[in-house]
Amino acid sequence: MLQSVVQIALFLISIALVLNLFRLARGPSLPDRILALDTMYINAIALLVLYGIHQSSNFYFEAALIIAVMGFVGTVVLSKYILRGDIIE
């Protein structure tokens, strides 16, 4: 039962990831593209966690944690670049 739910969730999150890629490529403005990139990080984390559940491996959870940290830092850096024009003051 759990395996079928995980496979359905993997499929649906994969569709969401493709739709986010479309928004990233075609976003009307730069903040929309940054938001799409941030959502892609979240979807990638969800895919890794679900795949870790599917494979019964702890390695994928650690990879998801690293992607979460990098996604947060990337979003902060891009937002700061948009607001101020440079990253380091």
PDB file of N, CA and C in Angstrom:
ATOM      1  N   MET A   1       0.821  -1.196   0.000  1.00  0.00           N
ATOM      2  CA  MET A   1       0.000   0.000   0.000  1.00  0.00           C
ATOM      3  C   MET A   1       0.866   1.262   0.000  1.00  0.00           C
ATOM      4  N   LEU A   2       1.875   1.265   0.883  1.00  0.00           N
ATOM      5  CA  LEU A   2       2.737   2.439   0.964  1.00  0.00           C
ATOM      6  C   LEU A   2       3.537   2.629  -0.322  1.00  0.00           C
ATOM      7  N   GLN A   3       3.965   1.540  -0.924  1.00  0.00           N
ATOM      8  CA  GLN A   3       4.745   1.650  -2.156  1.00  0.00           C
ATOM      9  C   GLN A   3       3.939   2.262  -3.297  1.00  0.00           C
ATOM     10  N   SER A   4       2.680   1.931  -3.386  1.00  0.00           N
ATOM     11  CA  SER A   4       1.864   2.511  -4.456  1.00  0.00           C
ATOM     12  C   SER A   4       1.616   3.997  -4.209  1.00  0.00           C
ATOM     13  N   VAL A   5       1.438   4.380  -2.959  1.00  0.00           N
ATOM     14  CA  VAL A   5       1.252   5.799  -2.633  1.00  0.00           C
ATOM     15  C   VAL A   5       2.523   6.581  -2.933  1.00  0.00           C
ATOM     16  N   VAL A   6       3.667   6.009  -2.611  1.00  0.00           N
ATOM     17  CA  VAL A   6       4.949   6.667  -2.894  1.00  0.00           C
ATOM     18  C   VAL A   6       5.147   6.826  -4.398  1.00  0.00           C
ATOM     19  N   GLN A   7       4.801   5.822  -5.173  1.00  0.00           N
ATOM     20  CA  GLN A   7       4.956   5.928  -6.628  1.00  0.00           C
ATOM     21  C   GLN A   7       4.028   6.979  -7.227  1.00  0.00           C
ATOM     22  N   ILE A   8       2.808   7.057  -6.733  1.00  0.00           N
ATOM     23  CA  ILE A   8       1.879   8.092  -7.210  1.00  0.00           C
ATOM     24  C   ILE A   8       2.398   9.476  -6.846  1.00  0.00           C
ATOM     25  N   ALA A   9       2.900   9.625  -5.614  1.00  0.00           N
ATOM     26  CA  ALA A   9       3.440  10.915  -5.183  1.00  0.00           C
ATOM     27  C   ALA A   9       4.674  11.290  -5.996  1.00  0.00           C
ATOM     28  N   LEU A  10       5.535  10.327  -6.298  1.00  0.00           N
ATOM     29  CA  LEU A  10       6.699  10.595  -7.144  1.00  0.00           C
ATOM     30  C   LEU A  10       6.269  11.105  -8.521  1.00  0.00           C
ATOM     31  N   PHE A  11       5.254  10.492  -9.084  1.00  0.00           N
ATOM     32  CA  PHE A  11       4.758  10.917 -10.393  1.00  0.00           C
ATOM     33  C   PHE A  11       4.194  12.341 -10.341  1.00  0.00           C
ATOM     34  N   LEU A  12       3.393  12.636  -9.330  1.00  0.00           N
ATOM     35  CA  LEU A  12       2.780  13.963  -9.235  1.00  0.00           C
ATOM     36  C   LEU A  12       3.805  15.055  -8.969  1.00  0.00           C
ATOM     37  N   ILE A  13       4.788  14.768  -8.136  1.00  0.00           N
ATOM     38  CA  ILE A  13       5.821  15.772  -7.867  1.00  0.00           C
ATOM     39  C   ILE A  13       6.707  15.955  -9.094  1.00  0.00           C
ATOM     40  N   SER A  14       6.912  14.910  -9.866  1.00  0.00           N
ATOM     41  CA  SER A  14       7.664  15.044 -11.122  1.00  0.00           C
ATOM     42  C   SER A  14       6.931  15.963 -12.096  1.00  0.00           C
ATOM     43  N   ILE A  15       5.623  15.842 -12.154  1.00  0.00           N
ATOM     44  CA  ILE A  15       4.829  16.750 -13.002  1.00  0.00           C
ATOM     45  C   ILE A  15       4.961  18.186 -12.503  1.00  0.00           C
ATOM     46  N   ALA A  16       4.919  18.376 -11.192  1.00  0.00           N
ATOM     47  CA  ALA A  16       5.077  19.715 -10.627  1.00  0.00           C
ATOM     48  C   ALA A  16       6.456  20.284 -10.943  1.00  0.00           C
ATOM     49  N   LEU A  17       7.465  19.438 -10.946  1.00  0.00           N
ATOM     50  CA  LEU A  17       8.818  19.884 -11.266  1.00  0.00           C
ATOM     51  C   LEU A  17       8.917  20.332 -12.725  1.00  0.00           C
ATOM     52  N   VAL A  18       8.275  19.618 -13.615  1.00  0.00           N
ATOM     53  CA  VAL A  18       8.265  20.017 -15.031  1.00  0.00           C
ATOM     54  C   VAL A  18       7.521  21.339 -15.220  1.00  0.00           C
ATOM     55  N   LEU A  19       6.412  21.517 -14.515  1.00  0.00           N
ATOM     56  CA  LEU A  19       5.677  22.782 -14.610  1.00  0.00           C
ATOM     57  C   LEU A  19       6.484  23.941 -14.041  1.00  0.00           C
ATOM     58  N   ASN A  20       7.255  23.692 -12.980  1.00  0.00           N
ATOM     59  CA  ASN A  20       8.124  24.734 -12.439  1.00  0.00           C
ATOM     60  C   ASN A  20       9.242  25.073 -13.414  1.00  0.00           C
ATOM     61  N   LEU A  21       9.741  24.084 -14.122  1.00  0.00           N
ATOM     62  CA  LEU A  21      10.762  24.344 -15.134  1.00  0.00           C
ATOM     63  C   LEU A  21      10.202  25.229 -16.246  1.00  0.00           C
ATOM     64  N   PHE A  22       8.954  25.004 -16.613  1.00  0.00           N
ATOM     65  CA  PHE A  22       8.299  25.858 -17.606  1.00  0.00           C
ATOM     66  C   PHE A  22       8.179  27.290 -17.090  1.00  0.00           C
ATOM     67  N   ARG A  23       7.813  27.463 -15.824  1.00  0.00           N
ATOM     68  CA  ARG A  23       7.693  28.803 -15.244  1.00  0.00           C
ATOM     69  C   ARG A  23       9.055  29.466 -15.128  1.00  0.00           C
ATOM     70  N   LEU A  24      10.086  28.671 -14.864  1.00  0.00           N
ATOM     71  CA  LEU A  24      11.440  29.227 -14.779  1.00  0.00           C
ATOM     72  C   LEU A  24      11.895  29.738 -16.137  1.00  0.00           C
ATOM     73  N   ALA A  25      11.573  29.031 -17.188  1.00  0.00           N
ATOM     74  CA  ALA A  25      11.994  29.439 -18.523  1.00  0.00           C
ATOM     75  C   ALA A  25      11.155  30.584 -19.072  1.00  0.00           C
ATOM     76  N   ARG A  26       9.895  30.647 -18.711  1.00  0.00           N
ATOM     77  CA  ARG A  26       8.984  31.602 -19.326  1.00  0.00           C
ATOM     78  C   ARG A  26       8.441  32.647 -18.370  1.00  0.00           C
ATOM     79  N   GLY A  27       8.971  32.719 -17.158  1.00  0.00           N
ATOM     80  CA  GLY A  27       8.433  33.662 -16.176  1.00  0.00           C
ATOM     81  C   GLY A  27       8.411  35.090 -16.689  1.00  0.00           C
ATOM     82  N   PRO A  28       7.363  35.822 -16.399  1.00  0.00           N
ATOM     83  CA  PRO A  28       7.282  37.178 -16.940  1.00  0.00           C
ATOM     84  C   PRO A  28       8.288  38.145 -16.308  1.00  0.00           C
ATOM     85  N   SER A  29       8.719  37.883 -15.095  1.00  0.00           N
ATOM     86  CA  SER A  29       9.671  38.790 -14.457  1.00  0.00           C
ATOM     87  C   SER A  29      10.715  37.982 -13.684  1.00  0.00           C
ATOM     88  N   LEU A  30      11.756  38.660 -13.255  1.00  0.00           N
ATOM     89  CA  LEU A  30      12.830  37.996 -12.531  1.00  0.00           C
ATOM     90  C   LEU A  30      12.386  37.450 -11.170  1.00  0.00           C
ATOM     91  N   PRO A  31      11.576  38.170 -10.395  1.00  0.00           N
ATOM     92  CA  PRO A  31      11.104  37.567  -9.139  1.00  0.00           C
ATOM     93  C   PRO A  31      10.269  36.301  -9.343  1.00  0.00           C
ATOM     94  N   ASP A  32       9.508  36.231 -10.430  1.00  0.00           N
ATOM     95  CA  ASP A  32       8.757  35.005 -10.721  1.00  0.00           C
ATOM     96  C   ASP A  32       9.699  33.841 -11.005  1.00  0.00           C
ATOM     97  N   ARG A  33      10.790  34.126 -11.686  1.00  0.00           N
ATOM     98  CA  ARG A  33      11.765  33.068 -11.981  1.00  0.00           C
ATOM     99  C   ARG A  33      12.481  32.604 -10.723  1.00  0.00           C
ATOM    100  N   ILE A  34      12.787  33.530  -9.830  1.00  0.00           N
ATOM    101  CA  ILE A  34      13.421  33.145  -8.563  1.00  0.00           C
ATOM    102  C   ILE A  34      12.466  32.311  -7.727  1.00  0.00           C
ATOM    103  N   LEU A  35      11.206  32.667  -7.717  1.00  0.00           N
ATOM    104  CA  LEU A  35      10.214  31.885  -6.988  1.00  0.00           C
ATOM    105  C   LEU A  35      10.056  30.493  -7.597  1.00  0.00           C
ATOM    106  N   ALA A  36      10.109  30.389  -8.913  1.00  0.00           N
ATOM    107  CA  ALA A  36      10.043  29.078  -9.567  1.00  0.00           C
ATOM    108  C   ALA A  36      11.266  28.234  -9.224  1.00  0.00           C
ATOM    109  N   LEU A  37      12.436  28.860  -9.157  1.00  0.00           N
ATOM    110  CA  LEU A  37      13.645  28.132  -8.785  1.00  0.00           C
ATOM    111  C   LEU A  37      13.564  27.644  -7.344  1.00  0.00           C
ATOM    112  N   ASP A  38      13.040  28.472  -6.454  1.00  0.00           N
ATOM    113  CA  ASP A  38      12.865  28.076  -5.061  1.00  0.00           C
ATOM    114  C   ASP A  38      11.876  26.915  -4.943  1.00  0.00           C
ATOM    115  N   THR A  39      10.821  26.958  -5.716  1.00  0.00           N
ATOM    116  CA  THR A  39       9.847  25.865  -5.704  1.00  0.00           C
ATOM    117  C   THR A  39      10.451  24.592  -6.289  1.00  0.00           C
ATOM    118  N   MET A  40      11.353  24.736  -7.261  1.00  0.00           N
ATOM    119  CA  MET A  40      12.023  23.555  -7.801  1.00  0.00           C
ATOM    120  C   MET A  40      12.917  22.900  -6.757  1.00  0.00           C
ATOM    121  N   TYR A  41      13.565  23.700  -5.907  1.00  0.00           N
ATOM    122  CA  TYR A  41      14.343  23.130  -4.814  1.00  0.00           C
ATOM    123  C   TYR A  41      13.446  22.322  -3.878  1.00  0.00           C
ATOM    124  N   ILE A  42      12.307  22.865  -3.561  1.00  0.00           N
ATOM    125  CA  ILE A  42      11.380  22.172  -2.658  1.00  0.00           C
ATOM    126  C   ILE A  42      10.884  20.872  -3.286  1.00  0.00           C
ATOM    127  N   ASN A  43      10.576  20.906  -4.576  1.00  0.00           N
ATOM    128  CA  ASN A  43      10.141  19.683  -5.258  1.00  0.00           C
ATOM    129  C   ASN A  43      11.265  18.653  -5.334  1.00  0.00           C
ATOM    130  N   ALA A  44      12.499  19.118  -5.531  1.00  0.00           N
ATOM    131  CA  ALA A  44      13.632  18.182  -5.559  1.00  0.00           C
ATOM    132  C   ALA A  44      13.827  17.532  -4.189  1.00  0.00           C
ATOM    133  N   ILE A  45      13.628  18.297  -3.140  1.00  0.00           N
ATOM    134  CA  ILE A  45      13.718  17.740  -1.787  1.00  0.00           C
ATOM    135  C   ILE A  45      12.633  16.687  -1.579  1.00  0.00           C
ATOM    136  N   ALA A  46      11.422  16.998  -2.020  1.00  0.00           N
ATOM    137  CA  ALA A  46      10.325  16.029  -1.873  1.00  0.00           C
ATOM    138  C   ALA A  46      10.603  14.759  -2.669  1.00  0.00           C
ATOM    139  N   LEU A  47      11.151  14.905  -3.874  1.00  0.00           N
ATOM    140  CA  LEU A  47      11.487  13.722  -4.675  1.00  0.00           C
ATOM    141  C   LEU A  47      12.541  12.863  -3.985  1.00  0.00           C
ATOM    142  N   LEU A  48      13.556  13.508  -3.426  1.00  0.00           N
ATOM    143  CA  LEU A  48      14.597  12.740  -2.743  1.00  0.00           C
ATOM    144  C   LEU A  48      14.075  12.031  -1.501  1.00  0.00           C
ATOM    145  N   VAL A  49      13.232  12.703  -0.747  1.00  0.00           N
ATOM    146  CA  VAL A  49      12.678  12.074   0.453  1.00  0.00           C
ATOM    147  C   VAL A  49      11.793  10.892   0.072  1.00  0.00           C
ATOM    148  N   LEU A  50      10.956  11.066  -0.918  1.00  0.00           N
ATOM    149  CA  LEU A  50      10.101   9.961  -1.353  1.00  0.00           C
ATOM    150  C   LEU A  50      10.915   8.803  -1.929  1.00  0.00           C
ATOM    151  N   TYR A  51      11.963   9.123  -2.671  1.00  0.00           N
ATOM    152  CA  TYR A  51      12.805   8.061  -3.210  1.00  0.00           C
ATOM    153  C   TYR A  51      13.567   7.353  -2.090  1.00  0.00           C
ATOM    154  N   GLY A  52      13.943   8.091  -1.057  1.00  0.00           N
ATOM    155  CA  GLY A  52      14.579   7.479   0.102  1.00  0.00           C
ATOM    156  C   GLY A  52      13.642   6.536   0.833  1.00  0.00           C
ATOM    157  N   ILE A  53      12.368   6.911   0.912  1.00  0.00           N
ATOM    158  CA  ILE A  53      11.375   6.017   1.511  1.00  0.00           C
ATOM    159  C   ILE A  53      11.212   4.775   0.641  1.00  0.00           C
ATOM    160  N   HIS A  54      11.182   4.976  -0.654  1.00  0.00           N
ATOM    161  CA  HIS A  54      11.018   3.861  -1.588  1.00  0.00           C
ATOM    162  C   HIS A  54      12.192   2.877  -1.518  1.00  0.00           C
ATOM    163  N   GLN A  55      13.403   3.404  -1.407  1.00  0.00           N
ATOM    164  CA  GLN A  55      14.593   2.559  -1.379  1.00  0.00           C
ATOM    165  C   GLN A  55      15.001   2.133   0.038  1.00  0.00           C
ATOM    166  N   SER A  56      14.378   2.689   1.061  1.00  0.00           N
ATOM    167  CA  SER A  56      14.721   2.425   2.466  1.00  0.00           C
ATOM    168  C   SER A  56      16.194   2.733   2.742  1.00  0.00           C
ATOM    169  N   SER A  57      16.618   3.926   2.308  1.00  0.00           N
ATOM    170  CA  SER A  57      18.006   4.343   2.467  1.00  0.00           C
ATOM    171  C   SER A  57      18.060   5.710   3.124  1.00  0.00           C
ATOM    172  N   ASN A  58      19.009   5.890   4.044  1.00  0.00           N
ATOM    173  CA  ASN A  58      19.171   7.178   4.715  1.00  0.00           C
ATOM    174  C   ASN A  58      19.999   8.166   3.899  1.00  0.00           C
ATOM    175  N   PHE A  59      20.691   7.686   2.890  1.00  0.00           N
ATOM    176  CA  PHE A  59      21.540   8.549   2.071  1.00  0.00           C
ATOM    177  C   PHE A  59      20.730   9.658   1.396  1.00  0.00           C
ATOM    178  N   TYR A  60      19.552   9.348   0.925  1.00  0.00           N
ATOM    179  CA  TYR A  60      18.729  10.324   0.204  1.00  0.00           C
ATOM    180  C   TYR A  60      18.210  11.428   1.125  1.00  0.00           C
ATOM    181  N   PHE A  61      18.016  11.116   2.389  1.00  0.00           N
ATOM    182  CA  PHE A  61      17.580  12.138   3.337  1.00  0.00           C
ATOM    183  C   PHE A  61      18.699  13.150   3.596  1.00  0.00           C
ATOM    184  N   GLU A  62      19.937  12.669   3.656  1.00  0.00           N
ATOM    185  CA  GLU A  62      21.068  13.581   3.825  1.00  0.00           C
ATOM    186  C   GLU A  62      21.257  14.459   2.591  1.00  0.00           C
ATOM    187  N   ALA A  63      21.063  13.885   1.419  1.00  0.00           N
ATOM    188  CA  ALA A  63      21.158  14.670   0.181  1.00  0.00           C
ATOM    189  C   ALA A  63      20.055  15.727   0.131  1.00  0.00           C
ATOM    190  N   ALA A  64      18.863  15.381   0.605  1.00  0.00           N
ATOM    191  CA  ALA A  64      17.761  16.348   0.641  1.00  0.00           C
ATOM    192  C   ALA A  64      18.078  17.495   1.590  1.00  0.00           C
ATOM    193  N   LEU A  65      18.732  17.206   2.702  1.00  0.00           N
ATOM    194  CA  LEU A  65      19.110  18.251   3.647  1.00  0.00           C
ATOM    195  C   LEU A  65      20.138  19.203   3.036  1.00  0.00           C
ATOM    196  N   ILE A  66      21.082  18.679   2.300  1.00  0.00           N
ATOM    197  CA  ILE A  66      22.083  19.521   1.638  1.00  0.00           C
ATOM    198  C   ILE A  66      21.431  20.398   0.578  1.00  0.00           C
ATOM    199  N   ILE A  67      20.519  19.846  -0.186  1.00  0.00           N
ATOM    200  CA  ILE A  67      19.820  20.643  -1.202  1.00  0.00           C
ATOM    201  C   ILE A  67      18.969  21.726  -0.543  1.00  0.00           C
ATOM    202  N   ALA A  68      18.370  21.425   0.603  1.00  0.00           N
ATOM    203  CA  ALA A  68      17.561  22.427   1.309  1.00  0.00           C
ATOM    204  C   ALA A  68      18.417  23.610   1.751  1.00  0.00           C
ATOM    205  N   VAL A  69      19.585  23.331   2.282  1.00  0.00           N
ATOM    206  CA  VAL A  69      20.471  24.410   2.721  1.00  0.00           C
ATOM    207  C   VAL A  69      20.953  25.230   1.529  1.00  0.00           C
ATOM    208  N   MET A  70      21.355  24.556   0.457  1.00  0.00           N
ATOM    209  CA  MET A  70      21.821  25.273  -0.726  1.00  0.00           C
ATOM    210  C   MET A  70      20.694  26.074  -1.373  1.00  0.00           C
ATOM    211  N   GLY A  71      19.491  25.542  -1.357  1.00  0.00           N
ATOM    212  CA  GLY A  71      18.352  26.271  -1.907  1.00  0.00           C
ATOM    213  C   GLY A  71      18.045  27.526  -1.128  1.00  0.00           C
ATOM    214  N   PHE A  72      18.122  27.443   0.193  1.00  0.00           N
ATOM    215  CA  PHE A  72      17.867  28.622   1.024  1.00  0.00           C
ATOM    216  C   PHE A  72      18.919  29.695   0.776  1.00  0.00           C
ATOM    217  N   VAL A  73      20.174  29.289   0.761  1.00  0.00           N
ATOM    218  CA  VAL A  73      21.249  30.256   0.540  1.00  0.00           C
ATOM    219  C   VAL A  73      21.140  30.863  -0.858  1.00  0.00           C
ATOM    220  N   GLY A  74      20.822  30.056  -1.844  1.00  0.00           N
ATOM    221  CA  GLY A  74      20.678  30.574  -3.202  1.00  0.00           C
ATOM    222  C   GLY A  74      19.543  31.573  -3.335  1.00  0.00           C
ATOM    223  N   THR A  75      18.436  31.304  -2.677  1.00  0.00           N
ATOM    224  CA  THR A  75      17.307  32.228  -2.724  1.00  0.00           C
ATOM    225  C   THR A  75      17.655  33.547  -2.047  1.00  0.00           C
ATOM    226  N   VAL A  76      18.340  33.489  -0.920  1.00  0.00           N
ATOM    227  CA  VAL A  76      18.745  34.710  -0.216  1.00  0.00           C
ATOM    228  C   VAL A  76      19.717  35.520  -1.060  1.00  0.00           C
ATOM    229  N   VAL A  77      20.668  34.860  -1.679  1.00  0.00           N
ATOM    230  CA  VAL A  77      21.661  35.566  -2.495  1.00  0.00           C
ATOM    231  C   VAL A  77      21.009  36.213  -3.704  1.00  0.00           C
ATOM    232  N   LEU A  78      20.142  35.495  -4.393  1.00  0.00           N
ATOM    233  CA  LEU A  78      19.474  36.079  -5.557  1.00  0.00           C
ATOM    234  C   LEU A  78      18.564  37.239  -5.175  1.00  0.00           C
ATOM    235  N   SER A  79      17.882  37.123  -4.067  1.00  0.00           N
ATOM    236  CA  SER A  79      17.014  38.223  -3.617  1.00  0.00           C
ATOM    237  C   SER A  79      17.831  39.445  -3.239  1.00  0.00           C
ATOM    238  N   LYS A  80      18.944  39.218  -2.563  1.00  0.00           N
ATOM    239  CA  LYS A  80      19.812  40.342  -2.200  1.00  0.00           C
ATOM    240  C   LYS A  80      20.401  40.994  -3.447  1.00  0.00           C
ATOM    241  N   TYR A  81      20.722  40.200  -4.453  1.00  0.00           N
ATOM    242  CA  TYR A  81      21.257  40.751  -5.691  1.00  0.00           C
ATOM    243  C   TYR A  81      20.214  41.608  -6.409  1.00  0.00           C
ATOM    244  N   ILE A  82      18.961  41.177  -6.383  1.00  0.00           N
ATOM    245  CA  ILE A  82      17.910  41.959  -7.032  1.00  0.00           C
ATOM    246  C   ILE A  82      17.686  43.283  -6.301  1.00  0.00           C
ATOM    247  N   LEU A  83      17.690  43.248  -4.982  1.00  0.00           N
ATOM    248  CA  LEU A  83      17.412  44.457  -4.213  1.00  0.00           C
ATOM    249  C   LEU A  83      18.546  45.470  -4.264  1.00  0.00           C
ATOM    250  N   ARG A  84      19.786  45.015  -4.160  1.00  0.00           N
ATOM    251  CA  ARG A  84      20.906  45.947  -3.999  1.00  0.00           C
ATOM    252  C   ARG A  84      21.836  46.021  -5.205  1.00  0.00           C
ATOM    253  N   GLY A  85      21.811  45.041  -6.081  1.00  0.00           N
ATOM    254  CA  GLY A  85      22.700  45.064  -7.222  1.00  0.00           C
ATOM    255  C   GLY A  85      24.021  44.363  -7.005  1.00  0.00           C
ATOM    256  N   ASP A  86      24.350  44.063  -5.754  1.00  0.00           N
ATOM    257  CA  ASP A  86      25.547  43.279  -5.461  1.00  0.00           C
ATOM    258  C   ASP A  86      25.253  42.356  -4.283  1.00  0.00           C
ATOM    259  N   ILE A  87      26.106  41.373  -4.094  1.00  0.00           N
ATOM    260  CA  ILE A  87      25.856  40.384  -3.048  1.00  0.00           C
ATOM    261  C   ILE A  87      26.582  40.752  -1.771  1.00  0.00           C
ATOM    262  N   ILE A  88      27.840  41.142  -1.910  1.00  0.00           N
ATOM    263  CA  ILE A  88      28.663  41.493  -0.747  1.00  0.00           C
ATOM    264  C   ILE A  88      28.729  43.013  -0.643  1.00  0.00           C
ATOM    265  N   GLU A  89      28.480  43.511   0.534  1.00  0.00           N
ATOM    266  CA  GLU A  89      28.470  44.972   0.731  1.00  0.00           C
ATOM    267  C   GLU A  89      29.859  45.500   0.940  1.00  0.00           C
TER     268      GLU A  89
END
